[in-house]
N, C-alpha and C. Protein backbone atom coordinates (compact mmCIF):
# COMPACT_ATOMS: atom_id res chain seq x y z
N MET A 1 0.85 -1.17 0.00
CA MET A 1 0.00 0.00 0.00
C MET A 1 0.90 1.24 0.00
N THR A 2 0.57 2.17 -0.85
CA THR A 2 1.36 3.40 -0.94
C THR A 2 1.01 4.32 0.21
N LEU A 3 1.88 5.29 0.45
CA LEU A 3 1.65 6.27 1.51
C LEU A 3 0.37 7.06 1.26
N HIS A 4 0.12 7.42 0.01
CA HIS A 4 -1.08 8.18 -0.36
C HIS A 4 -2.34 7.33 -0.10
N ALA A 5 -2.30 6.06 -0.46
CA ALA A 5 -3.45 5.17 -0.25
C ALA A 5 -3.70 4.98 1.24
N ALA A 6 -2.64 4.85 2.03
CA ALA A 6 -2.78 4.68 3.48
C ALA A 6 -3.40 5.93 4.10
N ARG A 7 -2.95 7.10 3.67
CA ARG A 7 -3.51 8.36 4.20
C ARG A 7 -4.99 8.47 3.84
N SER A 8 -5.33 8.12 2.62
CA SER A 8 -6.73 8.18 2.18
C SER A 8 -7.60 7.23 2.99
N LEU A 9 -7.08 6.03 3.25
CA LEU A 9 -7.83 5.06 4.04
C LEU A 9 -8.04 5.56 5.46
N ILE A 10 -7.00 6.10 6.08
CA ILE A 10 -7.11 6.61 7.45
C ILE A 10 -8.09 7.78 7.50
N LEU A 11 -8.01 8.68 6.53
CA LEU A 11 -8.93 9.82 6.48
C LEU A 11 -10.37 9.34 6.30
N SER A 12 -10.58 8.37 5.43
CA SER A 12 -11.93 7.83 5.21
C SER A 12 -12.48 7.19 6.47
N LEU A 13 -11.67 6.41 7.16
CA LEU A 13 -12.12 5.78 8.39
C LEU A 13 -12.43 6.82 9.47
N ALA A 14 -11.64 7.86 9.54
CA ALA A 14 -11.88 8.92 10.52
C ALA A 14 -13.20 9.64 10.23
N VAL A 15 -13.48 9.90 8.96
CA VAL A 15 -14.73 10.56 8.58
C VAL A 15 -15.92 9.67 8.93
N VAL A 16 -15.84 8.39 8.60
CA VAL A 16 -16.93 7.46 8.91
C VAL A 16 -17.16 7.39 10.42
N ALA A 17 -16.10 7.31 11.19
CA ALA A 17 -16.22 7.25 12.65
C ALA A 17 -16.84 8.53 13.19
N ALA A 18 -16.43 9.66 12.67
CA ALA A 18 -16.95 10.94 13.16
C ALA A 18 -18.41 11.13 12.81
N VAL A 19 -18.81 10.65 11.64
CA VAL A 19 -20.18 10.86 11.19
C VAL A 19 -21.14 9.85 11.79
N SER A 20 -20.76 8.58 11.83
CA SER A 20 -21.73 7.56 12.21
C SER A 20 -21.60 7.06 13.64
N GLY A 21 -20.46 7.00 14.19
CA GLY A 21 -20.28 6.36 15.47
C GLY A 21 -20.62 7.21 16.67
N CYS A 22 -20.85 8.48 16.50
CA CYS A 22 -20.99 9.36 17.65
C CYS A 22 -22.38 9.94 17.80
N ALA A 23 -23.34 9.44 17.03
CA ALA A 23 -24.69 10.00 17.10
C ALA A 23 -25.27 9.80 18.49
N SER A 24 -25.95 10.82 18.98
CA SER A 24 -26.61 10.71 20.27
C SER A 24 -28.08 11.08 20.10
N PRO A 25 -28.96 10.39 20.83
CA PRO A 25 -30.39 10.67 20.70
C PRO A 25 -30.75 12.00 21.34
N ALA A 26 -31.88 12.54 20.91
CA ALA A 26 -32.41 13.75 21.55
C ALA A 26 -32.71 13.41 23.00
N GLY A 27 -32.28 14.25 23.92
CA GLY A 27 -32.48 14.00 25.35
C GLY A 27 -33.77 14.61 25.86
N LYS A 28 -34.38 13.96 26.84
CA LYS A 28 -35.63 14.45 27.42
C LYS A 28 -35.48 15.88 27.95
N GLU A 29 -34.35 16.12 28.62
CA GLU A 29 -34.14 17.43 29.24
C GLU A 29 -34.09 18.54 28.19
N GLY A 30 -33.50 18.26 27.05
CA GLY A 30 -33.39 19.26 25.99
C GLY A 30 -34.69 19.54 25.27
N MET A 31 -35.69 18.65 25.48
CA MET A 31 -36.98 18.82 24.81
C MET A 31 -38.03 19.48 25.71
N LEU A 32 -37.71 19.73 26.98
CA LEU A 32 -38.70 20.29 27.91
C LEU A 32 -39.11 21.71 27.52
N ALA A 33 -40.41 21.96 27.59
CA ALA A 33 -40.94 23.29 27.29
C ALA A 33 -40.43 24.31 28.30
N GLN A 34 -40.19 25.52 27.81
CA GLN A 34 -39.68 26.59 28.67
C GLN A 34 -40.62 27.79 28.59
N ASN A 35 -40.90 28.39 29.72
CA ASN A 35 -41.65 29.65 29.78
C ASN A 35 -42.92 29.67 28.93
N VAL A 36 -43.79 28.71 29.13
CA VAL A 36 -45.06 28.66 28.40
C VAL A 36 -46.14 29.28 29.27
N GLN A 37 -46.88 30.20 28.70
CA GLN A 37 -48.02 30.80 29.38
C GLN A 37 -49.29 30.20 28.80
N VAL A 38 -50.08 29.53 29.64
CA VAL A 38 -51.32 28.93 29.16
C VAL A 38 -52.51 29.72 29.68
N ALA A 39 -53.52 29.87 28.83
CA ALA A 39 -54.70 30.63 29.20
C ALA A 39 -55.54 29.91 30.24
N HIS A 40 -55.67 28.57 30.10
CA HIS A 40 -56.48 27.78 31.02
C HIS A 40 -55.66 26.62 31.59
N LYS A 41 -55.72 26.48 32.89
CA LYS A 41 -55.12 25.33 33.56
C LYS A 41 -56.27 24.40 33.91
N HIS A 42 -56.29 23.23 33.30
CA HIS A 42 -57.43 22.33 33.38
C HIS A 42 -57.41 21.49 34.66
N ASP A 43 -58.55 21.44 35.33
CA ASP A 43 -58.69 20.65 36.55
C ASP A 43 -59.12 19.23 36.19
N ARG A 44 -58.39 18.63 35.30
CA ARG A 44 -58.66 17.27 34.81
C ARG A 44 -57.33 16.53 34.72
N THR A 45 -57.42 15.21 34.55
CA THR A 45 -56.21 14.40 34.38
C THR A 45 -56.04 14.04 32.91
N VAL A 46 -54.81 13.73 32.56
CA VAL A 46 -54.50 13.38 31.18
C VAL A 46 -53.50 12.22 31.15
N ALA A 47 -53.67 11.34 30.18
CA ALA A 47 -52.70 10.27 29.89
C ALA A 47 -52.07 10.60 28.55
N VAL A 48 -50.78 10.42 28.45
CA VAL A 48 -50.04 10.81 27.24
C VAL A 48 -49.49 9.57 26.54
N THR A 49 -49.63 9.58 25.22
CA THR A 49 -49.01 8.57 24.36
C THR A 49 -48.22 9.31 23.30
N ALA A 50 -47.00 8.86 23.05
CA ALA A 50 -46.17 9.43 21.98
C ALA A 50 -45.87 8.32 20.99
N ALA A 51 -45.88 8.67 19.71
CA ALA A 51 -45.64 7.69 18.66
C ALA A 51 -44.92 8.36 17.49
N GLY A 52 -44.43 7.53 16.58
CA GLY A 52 -43.83 8.04 15.36
C GLY A 52 -42.35 8.33 15.46
N GLY A 53 -41.79 8.24 16.65
CA GLY A 53 -40.36 8.49 16.82
C GLY A 53 -39.55 7.25 16.48
N ALA A 54 -38.26 7.37 16.66
CA ALA A 54 -37.36 6.24 16.38
C ALA A 54 -36.14 6.33 17.29
N ALA A 55 -35.64 5.18 17.65
CA ALA A 55 -34.41 5.14 18.44
C ALA A 55 -33.24 5.56 17.55
N THR A 56 -32.20 6.07 18.15
CA THR A 56 -30.99 6.45 17.42
C THR A 56 -30.07 5.25 17.37
N GLY A 57 -29.82 4.77 16.16
CA GLY A 57 -28.93 3.62 15.98
C GLY A 57 -27.49 4.05 15.84
N ALA A 58 -26.59 3.08 15.89
CA ALA A 58 -25.16 3.36 15.80
C ALA A 58 -24.79 3.99 14.47
N MET A 59 -25.50 3.65 13.42
CA MET A 59 -25.19 4.18 12.09
C MET A 59 -26.19 5.24 11.66
N ASP A 60 -26.85 5.86 12.61
CA ASP A 60 -27.93 6.81 12.32
C ASP A 60 -27.57 8.19 12.86
N SER A 61 -28.36 9.19 12.48
CA SER A 61 -28.21 10.52 13.06
C SER A 61 -29.21 10.64 14.21
N SER A 62 -29.14 11.72 14.94
CA SER A 62 -29.96 11.93 16.14
C SER A 62 -31.44 11.81 15.82
N ASN A 63 -32.14 11.02 16.62
CA ASN A 63 -33.59 10.84 16.49
C ASN A 63 -34.27 11.11 17.82
N ILE A 64 -35.60 11.05 17.81
CA ILE A 64 -36.40 11.23 19.02
C ILE A 64 -37.06 9.90 19.34
N ALA A 65 -36.71 9.31 20.44
CA ALA A 65 -37.34 8.06 20.88
C ALA A 65 -38.72 8.38 21.47
N ASP A 66 -39.70 7.52 21.20
CA ASP A 66 -41.06 7.74 21.71
C ASP A 66 -41.08 7.92 23.22
N ALA A 67 -40.36 7.07 23.94
CA ALA A 67 -40.37 7.14 25.41
C ALA A 67 -39.83 8.48 25.91
N ASP A 68 -38.76 8.99 25.28
CA ASP A 68 -38.19 10.27 25.70
C ASP A 68 -39.11 11.43 25.35
N PHE A 69 -39.75 11.36 24.18
CA PHE A 69 -40.69 12.40 23.76
C PHE A 69 -41.89 12.42 24.73
N LYS A 70 -42.39 11.24 25.08
CA LYS A 70 -43.52 11.12 26.02
C LYS A 70 -43.14 11.74 27.37
N THR A 71 -41.98 11.39 27.87
CA THR A 71 -41.54 11.92 29.16
C THR A 71 -41.40 13.44 29.11
N ALA A 72 -40.86 13.97 28.02
CA ALA A 72 -40.72 15.43 27.88
C ALA A 72 -42.08 16.11 27.85
N ILE A 73 -43.05 15.51 27.16
CA ILE A 73 -44.40 16.08 27.12
C ILE A 73 -45.04 16.03 28.50
N GLU A 74 -44.97 14.87 29.15
CA GLU A 74 -45.56 14.72 30.49
C GLU A 74 -44.95 15.69 31.50
N THR A 75 -43.64 15.78 31.50
CA THR A 75 -42.96 16.68 32.44
C THR A 75 -43.33 18.13 32.15
N SER A 76 -43.41 18.49 30.87
CA SER A 76 -43.78 19.86 30.49
C SER A 76 -45.21 20.19 30.92
N ILE A 77 -46.13 19.24 30.73
CA ILE A 77 -47.52 19.44 31.16
C ILE A 77 -47.57 19.67 32.67
N THR A 78 -46.83 18.85 33.41
CA THR A 78 -46.81 18.96 34.87
C THR A 78 -46.18 20.28 35.32
N GLN A 79 -45.03 20.62 34.75
CA GLN A 79 -44.33 21.85 35.15
C GLN A 79 -45.16 23.10 34.88
N HIS A 80 -45.90 23.09 33.78
CA HIS A 80 -46.68 24.28 33.41
C HIS A 80 -48.14 24.17 33.84
N GLN A 81 -48.46 23.09 34.57
CA GLN A 81 -49.78 22.90 35.17
C GLN A 81 -50.92 23.02 34.15
N VAL A 82 -50.72 22.46 32.97
CA VAL A 82 -51.75 22.51 31.94
C VAL A 82 -52.93 21.63 32.36
N PHE A 83 -52.66 20.49 33.00
CA PHE A 83 -53.68 19.62 33.56
C PHE A 83 -53.39 19.42 35.05
N LYS A 84 -54.41 18.98 35.79
CA LYS A 84 -54.24 18.74 37.23
C LYS A 84 -53.11 17.75 37.45
N SER A 85 -53.10 16.68 36.67
CA SER A 85 -52.01 15.71 36.78
C SER A 85 -51.95 14.84 35.53
N VAL A 86 -50.80 14.22 35.37
CA VAL A 86 -50.59 13.25 34.30
C VAL A 86 -50.68 11.88 34.94
N VAL A 87 -51.53 11.01 34.40
CA VAL A 87 -51.70 9.66 34.93
C VAL A 87 -51.42 8.65 33.83
N GLN A 88 -51.18 7.42 34.23
CA GLN A 88 -50.93 6.35 33.27
C GLN A 88 -52.19 5.51 33.12
N GLY A 89 -52.49 5.10 31.91
CA GLY A 89 -53.59 4.17 31.68
C GLY A 89 -54.92 4.83 31.38
N LYS A 90 -55.95 4.05 31.52
CA LYS A 90 -57.31 4.43 31.09
C LYS A 90 -58.07 5.25 32.13
N ASP A 91 -57.49 5.49 33.29
CA ASP A 91 -58.21 6.20 34.35
C ASP A 91 -58.18 7.72 34.18
N ALA A 92 -57.59 8.21 33.12
CA ALA A 92 -57.49 9.65 32.90
C ALA A 92 -58.80 10.21 32.33
N ASP A 93 -59.02 11.50 32.59
CA ASP A 93 -60.17 12.18 31.99
C ASP A 93 -59.98 12.38 30.50
N TYR A 94 -58.71 12.62 30.10
CA TYR A 94 -58.39 12.86 28.70
C TYR A 94 -57.20 12.01 28.29
N GLU A 95 -57.16 11.69 27.02
CA GLU A 95 -56.01 11.01 26.44
C GLU A 95 -55.40 11.93 25.38
N LEU A 96 -54.11 12.18 25.51
CA LEU A 96 -53.37 13.00 24.55
C LEU A 96 -52.44 12.09 23.77
N VAL A 97 -52.60 12.07 22.47
CA VAL A 97 -51.73 11.28 21.59
C VAL A 97 -50.97 12.25 20.70
N VAL A 98 -49.65 12.24 20.83
CA VAL A 98 -48.80 13.10 20.01
C VAL A 98 -47.96 12.19 19.11
N THR A 99 -48.13 12.36 17.80
CA THR A 99 -47.47 11.51 16.82
C THR A 99 -46.53 12.32 15.94
N ILE A 100 -45.28 11.93 15.92
CA ILE A 100 -44.32 12.58 15.02
C ILE A 100 -44.61 12.09 13.61
N VAL A 101 -44.95 13.04 12.75
CA VAL A 101 -45.30 12.72 11.37
C VAL A 101 -44.08 12.85 10.48
N GLN A 102 -43.26 13.85 10.76
CA GLN A 102 -42.10 14.11 9.91
C GLN A 102 -40.99 14.76 10.74
N LEU A 103 -39.77 14.29 10.52
CA LEU A 103 -38.60 14.87 11.15
C LEU A 103 -37.55 15.03 10.06
N ASP A 104 -37.37 16.26 9.59
CA ASP A 104 -36.41 16.55 8.51
C ASP A 104 -35.12 17.06 9.12
N LYS A 105 -34.02 16.35 8.82
CA LYS A 105 -32.70 16.70 9.38
C LYS A 105 -31.71 16.84 8.24
N PRO A 106 -30.80 17.80 8.35
CA PRO A 106 -29.75 17.93 7.33
C PRO A 106 -28.70 16.83 7.50
N ILE A 107 -27.97 16.58 6.45
CA ILE A 107 -26.93 15.55 6.49
C ILE A 107 -25.59 16.15 6.93
N PHE A 108 -25.29 17.35 6.46
CA PHE A 108 -24.04 18.00 6.85
C PHE A 108 -24.20 19.50 6.74
N GLY A 109 -23.23 20.23 7.29
CA GLY A 109 -23.24 21.68 7.21
C GLY A 109 -22.74 22.30 8.51
N LEU A 110 -22.54 23.60 8.48
CA LEU A 110 -22.15 24.33 9.68
C LEU A 110 -23.36 24.75 10.49
N THR A 111 -24.47 24.97 9.80
CA THR A 111 -25.72 25.33 10.44
C THR A 111 -26.72 24.23 10.16
N PHE A 112 -27.34 23.70 11.21
CA PHE A 112 -28.32 22.62 11.06
C PHE A 112 -29.70 23.14 11.44
N THR A 113 -30.63 23.07 10.51
CA THR A 113 -32.02 23.40 10.80
C THR A 113 -32.83 22.13 10.70
N VAL A 114 -33.53 21.81 11.77
CA VAL A 114 -34.37 20.62 11.83
C VAL A 114 -35.83 21.06 11.84
N ASN A 115 -36.64 20.42 11.01
CA ASN A 115 -38.07 20.68 10.94
C ASN A 115 -38.82 19.47 11.46
N LEU A 116 -39.80 19.72 12.31
CA LEU A 116 -40.58 18.65 12.93
C LEU A 116 -42.06 18.95 12.76
N GLU A 117 -42.81 17.92 12.38
CA GLU A 117 -44.27 18.03 12.35
C GLU A 117 -44.83 16.91 13.20
N ALA A 118 -45.73 17.26 14.11
CA ALA A 118 -46.39 16.28 14.97
C ALA A 118 -47.87 16.60 15.05
N THR A 119 -48.69 15.56 15.11
CA THR A 119 -50.12 15.76 15.32
C THR A 119 -50.42 15.62 16.80
N TRP A 120 -51.22 16.52 17.29
CA TRP A 120 -51.65 16.53 18.70
C TRP A 120 -53.15 16.26 18.71
N VAL A 121 -53.55 15.16 19.33
CA VAL A 121 -54.96 14.79 19.41
C VAL A 121 -55.32 14.58 20.88
N LEU A 122 -56.30 15.34 21.36
CA LEU A 122 -56.79 15.23 22.73
C LEU A 122 -58.21 14.70 22.68
N VAL A 123 -58.44 13.56 23.36
CA VAL A 123 -59.74 12.90 23.34
C VAL A 123 -60.29 12.81 24.77
N ARG A 124 -61.55 13.20 24.93
CA ARG A 124 -62.22 13.05 26.21
C ARG A 124 -62.56 11.57 26.36
N GLN A 125 -62.11 10.95 27.44
CA GLN A 125 -62.28 9.50 27.62
C GLN A 125 -63.74 9.10 27.80
N SER A 126 -64.55 9.92 28.47
CA SER A 126 -65.93 9.54 28.81
C SER A 126 -66.79 9.28 27.58
N ASP A 127 -66.64 10.09 26.55
CA ASP A 127 -67.48 9.92 25.36
C ASP A 127 -66.67 9.79 24.06
N ARG A 128 -65.35 9.73 24.20
CA ARG A 128 -64.43 9.58 23.05
C ARG A 128 -64.54 10.74 22.05
N SER A 129 -64.99 11.90 22.52
CA SER A 129 -65.07 13.07 21.64
C SER A 129 -63.69 13.73 21.53
N VAL A 130 -63.42 14.29 20.37
CA VAL A 130 -62.13 14.92 20.11
C VAL A 130 -62.20 16.38 20.53
N ALA A 131 -61.38 16.75 21.49
CA ALA A 131 -61.33 18.13 21.99
C ALA A 131 -60.32 18.96 21.20
N LEU A 132 -59.29 18.30 20.65
CA LEU A 132 -58.26 18.99 19.88
C LEU A 132 -57.66 18.03 18.87
N LYS A 133 -57.53 18.48 17.65
CA LYS A 133 -56.79 17.73 16.63
C LYS A 133 -56.04 18.78 15.81
N LYS A 134 -54.73 18.79 15.97
CA LYS A 134 -53.94 19.86 15.36
C LYS A 134 -52.59 19.32 14.90
N SER A 135 -52.20 19.72 13.71
CA SER A 135 -50.86 19.42 13.22
C SER A 135 -49.98 20.62 13.56
N ILE A 136 -48.90 20.36 14.26
CA ILE A 136 -48.02 21.45 14.70
C ILE A 136 -46.66 21.27 14.04
N ARG A 137 -46.20 22.33 13.40
CA ARG A 137 -44.88 22.34 12.76
C ARG A 137 -43.96 23.26 13.55
N SER A 138 -42.75 22.79 13.72
CA SER A 138 -41.76 23.59 14.43
C SER A 138 -40.40 23.37 13.79
N SER A 139 -39.50 24.30 14.04
CA SER A 139 -38.13 24.13 13.54
C SER A 139 -37.17 24.81 14.51
N HIS A 140 -35.94 24.36 14.45
CA HIS A 140 -34.90 24.94 15.28
C HIS A 140 -33.58 24.85 14.54
N THR A 141 -32.78 25.88 14.67
CA THR A 141 -31.47 25.92 14.02
C THR A 141 -30.38 25.95 15.08
N ALA A 142 -29.41 25.08 14.90
CA ALA A 142 -28.21 25.08 15.75
C ALA A 142 -27.03 25.45 14.86
N THR A 143 -26.19 26.34 15.38
CA THR A 143 -25.06 26.84 14.60
C THR A 143 -23.73 26.36 15.17
N PHE A 144 -22.67 26.69 14.48
CA PHE A 144 -21.33 26.35 14.93
C PHE A 144 -21.05 26.97 16.29
N ASP A 145 -21.68 28.09 16.59
CA ASP A 145 -21.53 28.73 17.90
C ASP A 145 -22.12 27.87 19.03
N ASP A 146 -23.13 27.06 18.71
CA ASP A 146 -23.74 26.17 19.70
C ASP A 146 -22.82 25.00 20.04
N SER A 147 -22.13 24.50 19.01
CA SER A 147 -21.18 23.40 19.21
C SER A 147 -20.33 23.24 17.96
N ALA A 148 -19.05 22.99 18.16
CA ALA A 148 -18.15 22.73 17.04
C ALA A 148 -18.35 21.32 16.49
N MET A 149 -18.89 20.43 17.33
CA MET A 149 -19.12 19.04 16.92
C MET A 149 -20.43 18.93 16.15
N ALA A 150 -20.36 18.41 14.94
CA ALA A 150 -21.54 18.30 14.08
C ALA A 150 -22.63 17.43 14.72
N VAL A 151 -22.26 16.32 15.34
CA VAL A 151 -23.27 15.44 15.93
C VAL A 151 -23.98 16.12 17.10
N THR A 152 -23.26 16.94 17.83
CA THR A 152 -23.87 17.69 18.93
C THR A 152 -24.79 18.77 18.39
N ARG A 153 -24.36 19.47 17.34
CA ARG A 153 -25.21 20.50 16.70
C ARG A 153 -26.51 19.88 16.22
N LEU A 154 -26.43 18.71 15.61
CA LEU A 154 -27.64 18.06 15.11
C LEU A 154 -28.56 17.67 16.27
N ARG A 155 -28.01 17.11 17.33
CA ARG A 155 -28.83 16.76 18.49
C ARG A 155 -29.50 17.99 19.08
N LEU A 156 -28.76 19.09 19.19
CA LEU A 156 -29.34 20.33 19.72
C LEU A 156 -30.46 20.85 18.83
N ALA A 157 -30.30 20.73 17.52
CA ALA A 157 -31.34 21.18 16.59
C ALA A 157 -32.58 20.30 16.70
N VAL A 158 -32.39 18.99 16.84
CA VAL A 158 -33.52 18.07 17.00
C VAL A 158 -34.25 18.36 18.32
N GLU A 159 -33.49 18.50 19.40
CA GLU A 159 -34.10 18.81 20.70
C GLU A 159 -34.85 20.14 20.65
N GLY A 160 -34.26 21.14 20.00
CA GLY A 160 -34.90 22.45 19.91
C GLY A 160 -36.20 22.40 19.13
N ALA A 161 -36.23 21.64 18.03
CA ALA A 161 -37.46 21.51 17.24
C ALA A 161 -38.53 20.80 18.06
N ALA A 162 -38.15 19.76 18.81
CA ALA A 162 -39.10 19.04 19.67
C ALA A 162 -39.60 19.95 20.79
N ARG A 163 -38.70 20.70 21.41
CA ARG A 163 -39.07 21.62 22.50
C ARG A 163 -40.09 22.65 22.00
N LYS A 164 -39.82 23.24 20.84
CA LYS A 164 -40.74 24.24 20.29
C LYS A 164 -42.09 23.62 19.93
N ASN A 165 -42.08 22.36 19.47
CA ASN A 165 -43.32 21.67 19.16
C ASN A 165 -44.13 21.45 20.44
N ILE A 166 -43.46 21.03 21.50
CA ILE A 166 -44.14 20.82 22.78
C ILE A 166 -44.68 22.15 23.32
N GLU A 167 -43.91 23.20 23.20
CA GLU A 167 -44.37 24.52 23.67
C GLU A 167 -45.63 24.95 22.91
N GLN A 168 -45.64 24.77 21.59
CA GLN A 168 -46.83 25.12 20.80
C GLN A 168 -48.01 24.23 21.17
N GLY A 169 -47.73 22.94 21.40
CA GLY A 169 -48.79 22.02 21.79
C GLY A 169 -49.41 22.40 23.12
N LEU A 170 -48.58 22.79 24.09
CA LEU A 170 -49.09 23.22 25.39
C LEU A 170 -49.93 24.50 25.26
N GLN A 171 -49.49 25.40 24.39
CA GLN A 171 -50.27 26.62 24.14
C GLN A 171 -51.66 26.26 23.60
N GLU A 172 -51.72 25.32 22.66
CA GLU A 172 -53.00 24.89 22.09
C GLU A 172 -53.88 24.24 23.16
N LEU A 173 -53.29 23.38 23.99
CA LEU A 173 -54.06 22.73 25.06
C LEU A 173 -54.55 23.77 26.06
N GLY A 174 -53.71 24.74 26.38
CA GLY A 174 -54.09 25.77 27.34
C GLY A 174 -55.12 26.75 26.81
N ALA A 175 -55.31 26.80 25.51
CA ALA A 175 -56.30 27.69 24.92
C ALA A 175 -57.71 27.06 24.94
N LEU A 176 -57.78 25.76 25.21
CA LEU A 176 -59.08 25.07 25.22
C LEU A 176 -59.87 25.39 26.47
N SER A 177 -61.19 25.38 26.32
CA SER A 177 -62.10 25.46 27.48
C SER A 177 -62.69 24.07 27.66
N LEU A 178 -62.13 23.32 28.59
CA LEU A 178 -62.57 21.93 28.81
C LEU A 178 -63.58 21.85 29.93
């Protein structure tokens, strides 16, 4: 093997390792809603289901796992007192189902903008009537100033898009008269 071929091989392996081996999933803490003002704080209970997400694999870029998205939504609802409490199972007054429909992520760049679309459906358990059905789009941009590491920038952009989606969802829930 020539010196040039060896250098090319080492550079290629370094690029593959940097791009694929270091992906980290969106964290629950980074997705929590911040400073949300809701018009109505509901004296009812809610059960939350999250769907449409995906785990972050070793050869994948940052994703949103359903369990982490669910926890971020539940914690945000509790912190901002949108409902009296979050409960598990069928004993809730309302069921909130949030489904990630689309998560658009860039492949490379210095600035990463992530776009997220999720449907928010709130159903009254007693009569199965739909109190809210809304598609919410959000986006967040992470720059080189946020992190020099591309995988970290992408994770921050994904978390930011999810956080903004949750904030908008809480605003919609808080605008309802239940």
